[in-house]
Amino acid sequence: MLKIDITSRPTFTVPVEVHLDGTQRFRATFEVVEDADLDSLTQQYGQPDPSAPWSAAGDKALLRRVWIGWQDIVDASRQPIEFGPEARDYLLSVVPIRAAVARAFFEGLAGGARKN
């Protein structure tokens, strides 16, 4: 049985593994967006490629739309960093973090890593 609330968009939370000064992990929460939103982004920026480490404009636009929360991100003094547009945009400006978040989104959306 599929249980779903048709009055709101589904969300999912997945682990994100970042390779930056060793391997670090946190959890990201994403909203599942409508096809029309993804089609619009694809028309503007091209087809997403989660394996490409450098596709900044398209990745940032997509992740600004779908990334709605996180857990386990702390500052240098180990204080939790609250999710918000400024903090999210800073993390999106760090290439290894942006690539890891994009990869986690696509893998989570598909239910696991894609196999070739």
PDB file of N, CA and C in Angstrom:
ATOM      1  N   MET A   1       0.843  -1.164   0.000  1.00  0.00           N
ATOM      2  CA  MET A   1       0.000   0.000   0.000  1.00  0.00           C
ATOM      3  C   MET A   1       0.895   1.235   0.000  1.00  0.00           C
ATOM      4  N   LEU A   2       0.583   2.197  -0.857  1.00  0.00           N
ATOM      5  CA  LEU A   2       1.282   3.480  -0.914  1.00  0.00           C
ATOM      6  C   LEU A   2       0.492   4.479  -0.098  1.00  0.00           C
ATOM      7  N   LYS A   3       1.149   5.070   0.889  1.00  0.00           N
ATOM      8  CA  LYS A   3       0.505   6.094   1.715  1.00  0.00           C
ATOM      9  C   LYS A   3       1.147   7.427   1.358  1.00  0.00           C
ATOM     10  N   ILE A   4       0.321   8.389   0.907  1.00  0.00           N
ATOM     11  CA  ILE A   4       0.857   9.672   0.486  1.00  0.00           C
ATOM     12  C   ILE A   4      -0.166  10.762   0.764  1.00  0.00           C
ATOM     13  N   ASP A   5       0.325  11.939   1.083  1.00  0.00           N
ATOM     14  CA  ASP A   5      -0.525  13.111   1.316  1.00  0.00           C
ATOM     15  C   ASP A   5      -0.565  13.919   0.037  1.00  0.00           C
ATOM     16  N   ILE A   6      -1.696  13.927  -0.654  1.00  0.00           N
ATOM     17  CA  ILE A   6      -1.774  14.613  -1.935  1.00  0.00           C
ATOM     18  C   ILE A   6      -1.949  16.121  -1.799  1.00  0.00           C
ATOM     19  N   THR A   7      -1.914  16.622  -0.562  1.00  0.00           N
ATOM     20  CA  THR A   7      -2.019  18.068  -0.359  1.00  0.00           C
ATOM     21  C   THR A   7      -0.654  18.726  -0.192  1.00  0.00           C
ATOM     22  N   SER A   8       0.406  17.936  -0.169  1.00  0.00           N
ATOM     23  CA  SER A   8       1.752  18.514  -0.047  1.00  0.00           C
ATOM     24  C   SER A   8       2.740  17.680  -0.846  1.00  0.00           C
ATOM     25  N   ARG A   9       3.900  18.261  -1.118  1.00  0.00           N
ATOM     26  CA  ARG A   9       4.943  17.567  -1.863  1.00  0.00           C
ATOM     27  C   ARG A   9       5.653  16.581  -0.945  1.00  0.00           C
ATOM     28  N   PRO A  10       5.977  15.386  -1.460  1.00  0.00           N
ATOM     29  CA  PRO A  10       6.740  14.430  -0.654  1.00  0.00           C
ATOM     30  C   PRO A  10       8.159  14.940  -0.397  1.00  0.00           C
ATOM     31  N   THR A  11       8.743  14.484   0.692  1.00  0.00           N
ATOM     32  CA  THR A  11      10.129  14.807   1.018  1.00  0.00           C
ATOM     33  C   THR A  11      10.865  13.513   1.333  1.00  0.00           C
ATOM     34  N   PHE A  12      12.195  13.582   1.300  1.00  0.00           N
ATOM     35  CA  PHE A  12      13.011  12.449   1.724  1.00  0.00           C
ATOM     36  C   PHE A  12      14.302  12.985   2.327  1.00  0.00           C
ATOM     37  N   THR A  13      14.855  12.227   3.258  1.00  0.00           N
ATOM     38  CA  THR A  13      16.106  12.591   3.922  1.00  0.00           C
ATOM     39  C   THR A  13      17.113  11.483   3.667  1.00  0.00           C
ATOM     40  N   VAL A  14      18.303  11.895   3.232  1.00  0.00           N
ATOM     41  CA  VAL A  14      19.341  10.922   2.891  1.00  0.00           C
ATOM     42  C   VAL A  14      20.682  11.361   3.472  1.00  0.00           C
ATOM     43  N   PRO A  15      21.591  10.402   3.690  1.00  0.00           N
ATOM     44  CA  PRO A  15      22.932  10.774   4.119  1.00  0.00           C
ATOM     45  C   PRO A  15      23.718  11.379   2.962  1.00  0.00           C
ATOM     46  N   VAL A  16      24.575  12.337   3.298  1.00  0.00           N
ATOM     47  CA  VAL A  16      25.461  12.964   2.322  1.00  0.00           C
ATOM     48  C   VAL A  16      26.881  12.735   2.810  1.00  0.00           C
ATOM     49  N   GLU A  17      27.734  12.216   1.943  1.00  0.00           N
ATOM     50  CA  GLU A  17      29.132  11.973   2.284  1.00  0.00           C
ATOM     51  C   GLU A  17      29.992  12.951   1.498  1.00  0.00           C
ATOM     52  N   VAL A  18      30.692  13.821   2.241  1.00  0.00           N
ATOM     53  CA  VAL A  18      31.518  14.859   1.637  1.00  0.00           C
ATOM     54  C   VAL A  18      32.981  14.499   1.832  1.00  0.00           C
ATOM     55  N   HIS A  19      33.739  14.538   0.755  1.00  0.00           N
ATOM     56  CA  HIS A  19      35.176  14.278   0.831  1.00  0.00           C
ATOM     57  C   HIS A  19      35.889  15.621   0.833  1.00  0.00           C
ATOM     58  N   LEU A  20      36.048  16.161   2.025  1.00  0.00           N
ATOM     59  CA  LEU A  20      36.666  17.464   2.221  1.00  0.00           C
ATOM     60  C   LEU A  20      37.384  17.391   3.560  1.00  0.00           C
ATOM     61  N   ASP A  21      38.706  17.442   3.538  1.00  0.00           N
ATOM     62  CA  ASP A  21      39.482  17.279   4.758  1.00  0.00           C
ATOM     63  C   ASP A  21      39.097  15.957   5.435  1.00  0.00           C
ATOM     64  N   GLY A  22      39.174  14.890   4.674  1.00  0.00           N
ATOM     65  CA  GLY A  22      38.709  13.585   5.129  1.00  0.00           C
ATOM     66  C   GLY A  22      37.268  13.386   4.695  1.00  0.00           C
ATOM     67  N   THR A  23      36.646  12.352   5.193  1.00  0.00           N
ATOM     68  CA  THR A  23      35.245  12.089   4.866  1.00  0.00           C
ATOM     69  C   THR A  23      34.375  12.571   6.016  1.00  0.00           C
ATOM     70  N   GLN A  24      33.408  13.402   5.668  1.00  0.00           N
ATOM     71  CA  GLN A  24      32.467  13.930   6.653  1.00  0.00           C
ATOM     72  C   GLN A  24      31.055  13.617   6.179  1.00  0.00           C
ATOM     73  N   ARG A  25      30.133  13.479   7.125  1.00  0.00           N
ATOM     74  CA  ARG A  25      28.770  13.102   6.777  1.00  0.00           C
ATOM     75  C   ARG A  25      27.760  14.006   7.464  1.00  0.00           C
ATOM     76  N   PHE A  26      26.658  14.216   6.779  1.00  0.00           N
ATOM     77  CA  PHE A  26      25.487  14.864   7.370  1.00  0.00           C
ATOM     78  C   PHE A  26      24.264  14.333   6.642  1.00  0.00           C
ATOM     79  N   ARG A  27      23.083  14.739   7.086  1.00  0.00           N
ATOM     80  CA  ARG A  27      21.838  14.316   6.454  1.00  0.00           C
ATOM     81  C   ARG A  27      21.172  15.527   5.819  1.00  0.00           C
ATOM     82  N   ALA A  28      20.688  15.353   4.599  1.00  0.00           N
ATOM     83  CA  ALA A  28      20.001  16.427   3.885  1.00  0.00           C
ATOM     84  C   ALA A  28      18.559  16.003   3.620  1.00  0.00           C
ATOM     85  N   THR A  29      17.657  16.963   3.720  1.00  0.00           N
ATOM     86  CA  THR A  29      16.252  16.726   3.406  1.00  0.00           C
ATOM     87  C   THR A  29      15.906  17.474   2.132  1.00  0.00           C
ATOM     88  N   PHE A  30      15.233  16.763   1.235  1.00  0.00           N
ATOM     89  CA  PHE A  30      14.866  17.312  -0.065  1.00  0.00           C
ATOM     90  C   PHE A  30      13.368  17.201  -0.282  1.00  0.00           C
ATOM     91  N   GLU A  31      12.849  18.118  -1.077  1.00  0.00           N
ATOM     92  CA  GLU A  31      11.470  18.041  -1.525  1.00  0.00           C
ATOM     93  C   GLU A  31      11.466  17.424  -2.918  1.00  0.00           C
ATOM     94  N   VAL A  32      10.504  16.567  -3.185  1.00  0.00           N
ATOM     95  CA  VAL A  32      10.331  16.013  -4.521  1.00  0.00           C
ATOM     96  C   VAL A  32       9.534  17.039  -5.313  1.00  0.00           C
ATOM     97  N   VAL A  33      10.131  17.558  -6.361  1.00  0.00           N
ATOM     98  CA  VAL A  33       9.475  18.617  -7.136  1.00  0.00           C
ATOM     99  C   VAL A  33       8.719  18.030  -8.323  1.00  0.00           C
ATOM    100  N   GLU A  34       7.818  18.825  -8.844  1.00  0.00           N
ATOM    101  CA  GLU A  34       7.024  18.398  -9.988  1.00  0.00           C
ATOM    102  C   GLU A  34       7.880  18.342 -11.249  1.00  0.00           C
ATOM    103  N   ASP A  35       7.449  17.528 -12.190  1.00  0.00           N
ATOM    104  CA  ASP A  35       8.159  17.400 -13.462  1.00  0.00           C
ATOM    105  C   ASP A  35       8.323  18.754 -14.142  1.00  0.00           C
ATOM    106  N   ALA A  36       7.299  19.597 -14.077  1.00  0.00           N
ATOM    107  CA  ALA A  36       7.361  20.903 -14.743  1.00  0.00           C
ATOM    108  C   ALA A  36       8.513  21.740 -14.200  1.00  0.00           C
ATOM    109  N   ASP A  37       8.759  21.677 -12.875  1.00  0.00           N
ATOM    110  CA  ASP A  37       9.887  22.409 -12.292  1.00  0.00           C
ATOM    111  C   ASP A  37      11.211  21.878 -12.815  1.00  0.00           C
ATOM    112  N   LEU A  38      11.344  20.554 -12.849  1.00  0.00           N
ATOM    113  CA  LEU A  38      12.584  19.957 -13.344  1.00  0.00           C
ATOM    114  C   LEU A  38      12.762  20.229 -14.837  1.00  0.00           C
ATOM    115  N   ASP A  39      11.661  20.160 -15.599  1.00  0.00           N
ATOM    116  CA  ASP A  39      11.743  20.453 -17.035  1.00  0.00           C
ATOM    117  C   ASP A  39      12.201  21.892 -17.272  1.00  0.00           C
ATOM    118  N   SER A  40      11.679  22.816 -16.481  1.00  0.00           N
ATOM    119  CA  SER A  40      12.062  24.224 -16.616  1.00  0.00           C
ATOM    120  C   SER A  40      13.550  24.419 -16.337  1.00  0.00           C
ATOM    121  N   LEU A  41      14.036  23.794 -15.271  1.00  0.00           N
ATOM    122  CA  LEU A  41      15.460  23.888 -14.947  1.00  0.00           C
ATOM    123  C   LEU A  41      16.316  23.246 -16.035  1.00  0.00           C
ATOM    124  N   THR A  42      15.859  22.116 -16.574  1.00  0.00           N
ATOM    125  CA  THR A  42      16.601  21.434 -17.632  1.00  0.00           C
ATOM    126  C   THR A  42      16.664  22.289 -18.890  1.00  0.00           C
ATOM    127  N   GLN A  43      15.557  22.933 -19.234  1.00  0.00           N
ATOM    128  CA  GLN A  43      15.549  23.799 -20.413  1.00  0.00           C
ATOM    129  C   GLN A  43      16.508  24.969 -20.233  1.00  0.00           C
ATOM    130  N   GLN A  44      16.577  25.487 -19.017  1.00  0.00           N
ATOM    131  CA  GLN A  44      17.433  26.646 -18.772  1.00  0.00           C
ATOM    132  C   GLN A  44      18.908  26.271 -18.658  1.00  0.00           C
ATOM    133  N   TYR A  45      19.217  25.149 -17.988  1.00  0.00           N
ATOM    134  CA  TYR A  45      20.612  24.823 -17.667  1.00  0.00           C
ATOM    135  C   TYR A  45      21.136  23.555 -18.327  1.00  0.00           C
ATOM    136  N   GLY A  46      20.285  22.801 -19.014  1.00  0.00           N
ATOM    137  CA  GLY A  46      20.710  21.539 -19.600  1.00  0.00           C
ATOM    138  C   GLY A  46      20.392  20.379 -18.677  1.00  0.00           C
ATOM    139  N   GLN A  47      20.608  19.183 -19.183  1.00  0.00           N
ATOM    140  CA  GLN A  47      20.308  17.966 -18.427  1.00  0.00           C
ATOM    141  C   GLN A  47      21.250  17.843 -17.232  1.00  0.00           C
ATOM    142  N   PRO A  48      20.709  17.627 -16.018  1.00  0.00           N
ATOM    143  CA  PRO A  48      21.589  17.473 -14.849  1.00  0.00           C
ATOM    144  C   PRO A  48      22.495  16.252 -15.003  1.00  0.00           C
ATOM    145  N   ASP A  49      23.704  16.376 -14.511  1.00  0.00           N
ATOM    146  CA  ASP A  49      24.653  15.266 -14.524  1.00  0.00           C
ATOM    147  C   ASP A  49      25.274  15.157 -13.141  1.00  0.00           C
ATOM    148  N   PRO A  50      24.679  14.329 -12.262  1.00  0.00           N
ATOM    149  CA  PRO A  50      25.185  14.257 -10.884  1.00  0.00           C
ATOM    150  C   PRO A  50      26.605  13.731 -10.763  1.00  0.00           C
ATOM    151  N   SER A  51      27.153  13.146 -11.829  1.00  0.00           N
ATOM    152  CA  SER A  51      28.533  12.661 -11.759  1.00  0.00           C
ATOM    153  C   SER A  51      29.539  13.739 -12.157  1.00  0.00           C
ATOM    154  N   ALA A  52      29.052  14.870 -12.686  1.00  0.00           N
ATOM    155  CA  ALA A  52      29.955  15.960 -13.086  1.00  0.00           C
ATOM    156  C   ALA A  52      30.230  16.847 -11.883  1.00  0.00           C
ATOM    157  N   PRO A  53      31.489  17.020 -11.507  1.00  0.00           N
ATOM    158  CA  PRO A  53      31.787  17.811 -10.317  1.00  0.00           C
ATOM    159  C   PRO A  53      31.612  19.311 -10.529  1.00  0.00           C
ATOM    160  N   TRP A  54      31.508  19.748 -11.778  1.00  0.00           N
ATOM    161  CA  TRP A  54      31.454  21.185 -11.996  1.00  0.00           C
ATOM    162  C   TRP A  54      30.339  21.540 -12.975  1.00  0.00           C
ATOM    163  N   SER A  55      29.167  21.775 -12.459  1.00  0.00           N
ATOM    164  CA  SER A  55      28.049  22.284 -13.257  1.00  0.00           C
ATOM    165  C   SER A  55      27.293  23.243 -12.354  1.00  0.00           C
ATOM    166  N   ALA A  56      27.986  24.275 -11.935  1.00  0.00           N
ATOM    167  CA  ALA A  56      27.550  25.143 -10.846  1.00  0.00           C
ATOM    168  C   ALA A  56      26.175  25.760 -11.024  1.00  0.00           C
ATOM    169  N   ALA A  57      25.907  26.432 -12.114  1.00  0.00           N
ATOM    170  CA  ALA A  57      24.657  27.181 -12.239  1.00  0.00           C
ATOM    171  C   ALA A  57      23.440  26.271 -12.153  1.00  0.00           C
ATOM    172  N   GLY A  58      23.441  25.185 -12.905  1.00  0.00           N
ATOM    173  CA  GLY A  58      22.308  24.265 -12.883  1.00  0.00           C
ATOM    174  C   GLY A  58      22.149  23.564 -11.551  1.00  0.00           C
ATOM    175  N   ASP A  59      23.263  23.081 -10.998  1.00  0.00           N
ATOM    176  CA  ASP A  59      23.198  22.413  -9.690  1.00  0.00           C
ATOM    177  C   ASP A  59      22.684  23.357  -8.617  1.00  0.00           C
ATOM    178  N   LYS A  60      23.207  24.577  -8.607  1.00  0.00           N
ATOM    179  CA  LYS A  60      22.777  25.541  -7.591  1.00  0.00           C
ATOM    180  C   LYS A  60      21.293  25.850  -7.726  1.00  0.00           C
ATOM    181  N   ALA A  61      20.825  26.059  -8.944  1.00  0.00           N
ATOM    182  CA  ALA A  61      19.403  26.364  -9.151  1.00  0.00           C
ATOM    183  C   ALA A  61      18.530  25.203  -8.687  1.00  0.00           C
ATOM    184  N   LEU A  62      18.911  23.992  -9.050  1.00  0.00           N
ATOM    185  CA  LEU A  62      18.141  22.821  -8.636  1.00  0.00           C
ATOM    186  C   LEU A  62      18.162  22.664  -7.120  1.00  0.00           C
ATOM    187  N   LEU A  63      19.342  22.736  -6.526  1.00  0.00           N
ATOM    188  CA  LEU A  63      19.451  22.501  -5.085  1.00  0.00           C
ATOM    189  C   LEU A  63      18.795  23.619  -4.276  1.00  0.00           C
ATOM    190  N   ARG A  64      18.799  24.846  -4.790  1.00  0.00           N
ATOM    191  CA  ARG A  64      18.055  25.914  -4.106  1.00  0.00           C
ATOM    192  C   ARG A  64      16.566  25.599  -4.084  1.00  0.00           C
ATOM    193  N   ARG A  65      16.095  24.906  -5.100  1.00  0.00           N
ATOM    194  CA  ARG A  65      14.670  24.573  -5.195  1.00  0.00           C
ATOM    195  C   ARG A  65      14.298  23.372  -4.328  1.00  0.00           C
ATOM    196  N   VAL A  66      15.169  22.360  -4.239  1.00  0.00           N
ATOM    197  CA  VAL A  66      14.792  21.095  -3.595  1.00  0.00           C
ATOM    198  C   VAL A  66      15.359  20.879  -2.201  1.00  0.00           C
ATOM    199  N   TRP A  67      16.482  21.509  -1.848  1.00  0.00           N
ATOM    200  CA  TRP A  67      17.141  21.265  -0.555  1.00  0.00           C
ATOM    201  C   TRP A  67      16.435  22.092   0.507  1.00  0.00           C
ATOM    202  N   ILE A  68      15.735  21.425   1.421  1.00  0.00           N
ATOM    203  CA  ILE A  68      14.876  22.131   2.375  1.00  0.00           C
ATOM    204  C   ILE A  68      15.288  21.955   3.834  1.00  0.00           C
ATOM    205  N   GLY A  69      16.335  21.215   4.102  1.00  0.00           N
ATOM    206  CA  GLY A  69      16.771  21.061   5.488  1.00  0.00           C
ATOM    207  C   GLY A  69      17.996  20.188   5.606  1.00  0.00           C
ATOM    208  N   TRP A  70      18.565  20.172   6.820  1.00  0.00           N
ATOM    209  CA  TRP A  70      19.710  19.297   7.099  1.00  0.00           C
ATOM    210  C   TRP A  70      19.798  19.004   8.571  1.00  0.00           C
ATOM    211  N   GLN A  71      20.620  18.008   8.869  1.00  0.00           N
ATOM    212  CA  GLN A  71      20.950  17.619  10.238  1.00  0.00           C
ATOM    213  C   GLN A  71      22.452  17.358  10.280  1.00  0.00           C
ATOM    214  N   ASP A  72      23.041  17.607  11.429  1.00  0.00           N
ATOM    215  CA  ASP A  72      24.452  17.259  11.667  1.00  0.00           C
ATOM    216  C   ASP A  72      25.450  18.151  10.947  1.00  0.00           C
ATOM    217  N   ILE A  73      25.117  19.423  10.733  1.00  0.00           N
ATOM    218  CA  ILE A  73      26.094  20.384  10.241  1.00  0.00           C
ATOM    219  C   ILE A  73      26.368  21.352  11.382  1.00  0.00           C
ATOM    220  N   VAL A  74      27.658  21.458  11.747  1.00  0.00           N
ATOM    221  CA  VAL A  74      28.053  22.302  12.869  1.00  0.00           C
ATOM    222  C   VAL A  74      29.159  23.256  12.441  1.00  0.00           C
ATOM    223  N   ASP A  75      29.345  24.319  13.220  1.00  0.00           N
ATOM    224  CA  ASP A  75      30.427  25.264  12.932  1.00  0.00           C
ATOM    225  C   ASP A  75      31.709  24.800  13.627  1.00  0.00           C
ATOM    226  N   ALA A  76      32.746  25.611  13.553  1.00  0.00           N
ATOM    227  CA  ALA A  76      34.055  25.240  14.109  1.00  0.00           C
ATOM    228  C   ALA A  76      34.008  24.972  15.608  1.00  0.00           C
ATOM    229  N   SER A  77      33.060  25.596  16.308  1.00  0.00           N
ATOM    230  CA  SER A  77      32.943  25.353  17.751  1.00  0.00           C
ATOM    231  C   SER A  77      31.897  24.284  18.068  1.00  0.00           C
ATOM    232  N   ARG A  78      31.518  23.533  17.042  1.00  0.00           N
ATOM    233  CA  ARG A  78      30.578  22.414  17.156  1.00  0.00           C
ATOM    234  C   ARG A  78      29.149  22.834  17.523  1.00  0.00           C
ATOM    235  N   GLN A  79      28.807  24.080  17.215  1.00  0.00           N
ATOM    236  CA  GLN A  79      27.431  24.549  17.405  1.00  0.00           C
ATOM    237  C   GLN A  79      26.648  24.255  16.128  1.00  0.00           C
ATOM    238  N   PRO A  80      25.429  23.737  16.253  1.00  0.00           N
ATOM    239  CA  PRO A  80      24.637  23.434  15.056  1.00  0.00           C
ATOM    240  C   PRO A  80      24.412  24.676  14.199  1.00  0.00           C
ATOM    241  N   ILE A  81      24.511  24.490  12.899  1.00  0.00           N
ATOM    242  CA  ILE A  81      24.196  25.548  11.956  1.00  0.00           C
ATOM    243  C   ILE A  81      22.768  25.293  11.480  1.00  0.00           C
ATOM    244  N   GLU A  82      21.905  26.265  11.715  1.00  0.00           N
ATOM    245  CA  GLU A  82      20.512  26.139  11.315  1.00  0.00           C
ATOM    246  C   GLU A  82      20.397  26.251   9.799  1.00  0.00           C
ATOM    247  N   PHE A  83      19.466  25.493   9.230  1.00  0.00           N
ATOM    248  CA  PHE A  83      19.217  25.585   7.799  1.00  0.00           C
ATOM    249  C   PHE A  83      18.606  26.945   7.480  1.00  0.00           C
ATOM    250  N   GLY A  84      19.078  27.558   6.431  1.00  0.00           N
ATOM    251  CA  GLY A  84      18.544  28.820   5.944  1.00  0.00           C
ATOM    252  C   GLY A  84      19.174  29.146   4.610  1.00  0.00           C
ATOM    253  N   PRO A  85      18.586  30.083   3.860  1.00  0.00           N
ATOM    254  CA  PRO A  85      19.090  30.399   2.521  1.00  0.00           C
ATOM    255  C   PRO A  85      20.559  30.825   2.494  1.00  0.00           C
ATOM    256  N   GLU A  86      20.996  31.642   3.443  1.00  0.00           N
ATOM    257  CA  GLU A  86      22.390  32.106   3.416  1.00  0.00           C
ATOM    258  C   GLU A  86      23.362  30.970   3.691  1.00  0.00           C
ATOM    259  N   ALA A  87      23.064  30.152   4.700  1.00  0.00           N
ATOM    260  CA  ALA A  87      23.944  29.025   5.009  1.00  0.00           C
ATOM    261  C   ALA A  87      23.941  28.017   3.865  1.00  0.00           C
ATOM    262  N   ARG A  88      22.756  27.736   3.311  1.00  0.00           N
ATOM    263  CA  ARG A  88      22.662  26.804   2.180  1.00  0.00           C
ATOM    264  C   ARG A  88      23.469  27.320   0.989  1.00  0.00           C
ATOM    265  N   ASP A  89      23.334  28.611   0.673  1.00  0.00           N
ATOM    266  CA  ASP A  89      24.062  29.165  -0.466  1.00  0.00           C
ATOM    267  C   ASP A  89      25.571  29.133  -0.242  1.00  0.00           C
ATOM    268  N   TYR A  90      26.015  29.336   1.007  1.00  0.00           N
ATOM    269  CA  TYR A  90      27.450  29.217   1.279  1.00  0.00           C
ATOM    270  C   TYR A  90      27.908  27.783   0.991  1.00  0.00           C
ATOM    271  N   LEU A  91      27.166  26.794   1.501  1.00  0.00           N
ATOM    272  CA  LEU A  91      27.557  25.401   1.263  1.00  0.00           C
ATOM    273  C   LEU A  91      27.538  25.066  -0.227  1.00  0.00           C
ATOM    274  N   LEU A  92      26.595  25.629  -0.970  1.00  0.00           N
ATOM    275  CA  LEU A  92      26.548  25.384  -2.413  1.00  0.00           C
ATOM    276  C   LEU A  92      27.729  26.001  -3.141  1.00  0.00           C
ATOM    277  N   SER A  93      28.389  26.971  -2.523  1.00  0.00           N
ATOM    278  CA  SER A  93      29.552  27.602  -3.166  1.00  0.00           C
ATOM    279  C   SER A  93      30.827  26.786  -2.976  1.00  0.00           C
ATOM    280  N   VAL A  94      30.793  25.764  -2.137  1.00  0.00           N
ATOM    281  CA  VAL A  94      31.946  24.891  -1.894  1.00  0.00           C
ATOM    282  C   VAL A  94      31.776  23.657  -2.788  1.00  0.00           C
ATOM    283  N   VAL A  95      32.594  23.556  -3.828  1.00  0.00           N
ATOM    284  CA  VAL A  95      32.396  22.546  -4.872  1.00  0.00           C
ATOM    285  C   VAL A  95      32.239  21.126  -4.328  1.00  0.00           C
ATOM    286  N   PRO A  96      33.113  20.627  -3.439  1.00  0.00           N
ATOM    287  CA  PRO A  96      32.932  19.245  -2.976  1.00  0.00           C
ATOM    288  C   PRO A  96      31.608  19.035  -2.228  1.00  0.00           C
ATOM    289  N   ILE A  97      31.154  20.051  -1.505  1.00  0.00           N
ATOM    290  CA  ILE A  97      29.878  19.926  -0.799  1.00  0.00           C
ATOM    291  C   ILE A  97      28.731  19.932  -1.802  1.00  0.00           C
ATOM    292  N   ARG A  98      28.765  20.883  -2.740  1.00  0.00           N
ATOM    293  CA  ARG A  98      27.699  20.964  -3.746  1.00  0.00           C
ATOM    294  C   ARG A  98      27.599  19.662  -4.530  1.00  0.00           C
ATOM    295  N   ALA A  99      28.727  19.113  -4.960  1.00  0.00           N
ATOM    296  CA  ALA A  99      28.724  17.867  -5.731  1.00  0.00           C
ATOM    297  C   ALA A  99      28.154  16.714  -4.904  1.00  0.00           C
ATOM    298  N   ALA A 100      28.515  16.650  -3.629  1.00  0.00           N
ATOM    299  CA  ALA A 100      28.029  15.574  -2.763  1.00  0.00           C
ATOM    300  C   ALA A 100      26.523  15.693  -2.538  1.00  0.00           C
ATOM    301  N   VAL A 101      26.036  16.914  -2.354  1.00  0.00           N
ATOM    302  CA  VAL A 101      24.604  17.114  -2.128  1.00  0.00           C
ATOM    303  C   VAL A 101      23.820  16.768  -3.397  1.00  0.00           C
ATOM    304  N   ALA A 102      24.310  17.188  -4.553  1.00  0.00           N
ATOM    305  CA  ALA A 102      23.639  16.861  -5.815  1.00  0.00           C
ATOM    306  C   ALA A 102      23.593  15.350  -6.020  1.00  0.00           C
ATOM    307  N   ARG A 103      24.702  14.688  -5.771  1.00  0.00           N
ATOM    308  CA  ARG A 103      24.765  13.230  -5.911  1.00  0.00           C
ATOM    309  C   ARG A 103      23.765  12.562  -4.964  1.00  0.00           C
ATOM    310  N   ALA A 104      23.704  13.026  -3.719  1.00  0.00           N
ATOM    311  CA  ALA A 104      22.775  12.453  -2.740  1.00  0.00           C
ATOM    312  C   ALA A 104      21.326  12.665  -3.162  1.00  0.00           C
ATOM    313  N   PHE A 105      21.025  13.843  -3.726  1.00  0.00           N
ATOM    314  CA  PHE A 105      19.665  14.110  -4.179  1.00  0.00           C
ATOM    315  C   PHE A 105      19.254  13.122  -5.266  1.00  0.00           C
ATOM    316  N   PHE A 106      20.082  12.980  -6.308  1.00  0.00           N
ATOM    317  CA  PHE A 106      19.722  12.107  -7.413  1.00  0.00           C
ATOM    318  C   PHE A 106      19.666  10.634  -6.978  1.00  0.00           C
ATOM    319  N   GLU A 107      20.599  10.218  -6.135  1.00  0.00           N
ATOM    320  CA  GLU A 107      20.566   8.845  -5.641  1.00  0.00           C
ATOM    321  C   GLU A 107      19.335   8.599  -4.780  1.00  0.00           C
ATOM    322  N   GLY A 108      18.990   9.560  -3.935  1.00  0.00           N
ATOM    323  CA  GLY A 108      17.806   9.429  -3.092  1.00  0.00           C
ATOM    324  C   GLY A 108      16.524   9.435  -3.911  1.00  0.00           C
ATOM    325  N   LEU A 109      16.475  10.254  -4.926  1.00  0.00           N
ATOM    326  CA  LEU A 109      15.309  10.347  -5.798  1.00  0.00           C
ATOM    327  C   LEU A 109      15.087   9.036  -6.533  1.00  0.00           C
ATOM    328  N   ALA A 110      16.185   8.416  -6.951  1.00  0.00           N
ATOM    329  CA  ALA A 110      16.099   7.167  -7.708  1.00  0.00           C
ATOM    330  C   ALA A 110      16.034   5.938  -6.798  1.00  0.00           C
ATOM    331  N   GLY A 111      16.197   6.138  -5.491  1.00  0.00           N
ATOM    332  CA  GLY A 111      16.150   5.013  -4.575  1.00  0.00           C
ATOM    333  C   GLY A 111      17.466   4.299  -4.419  1.00  0.00           C
ATOM    334  N   GLY A 112      18.545   4.913  -4.843  1.00  0.00           N
ATOM    335  CA  GLY A 112      19.873   4.308  -4.716  1.00  0.00           C
ATOM    336  C   GLY A 112      20.773   4.779  -5.831  1.00  0.00           C
ATOM    337  N   ALA A 113      22.028   4.460  -5.731  1.00  0.00           N
ATOM    338  CA  ALA A 113      22.999   4.889  -6.743  1.00  0.00           C
ATOM    339  C   ALA A 113      22.676   4.243  -8.080  1.00  0.00           C
ATOM    340  N   ARG A 114      22.840   5.008  -9.150  1.00  0.00           N
ATOM    341  CA  ARG A 114      22.639   4.470 -10.483  1.00  0.00           C
ATOM    342  C   ARG A 114      23.796   3.575 -10.862  1.00  0.00           C
ATOM    343  N   LYS A 115      23.489   2.524 -11.556  1.00  0.00           N
ATOM    344  CA  LYS A 115      24.504   1.604 -12.074  1.00  0.00           C
ATOM    345  C   LYS A 115      24.547   1.757 -13.574  1.00  0.00           C
ATOM    346  N   ASN A 116      25.739   1.737 -14.136  1.00  0.00           N
ATOM    347  CA  ASN A 116      25.857   1.825 -15.609  1.00  0.00           C
ATOM    348  C   ASN A 116      25.808   0.459 -16.226  1.00  0.00           C
TER     349      ASN A 116
END
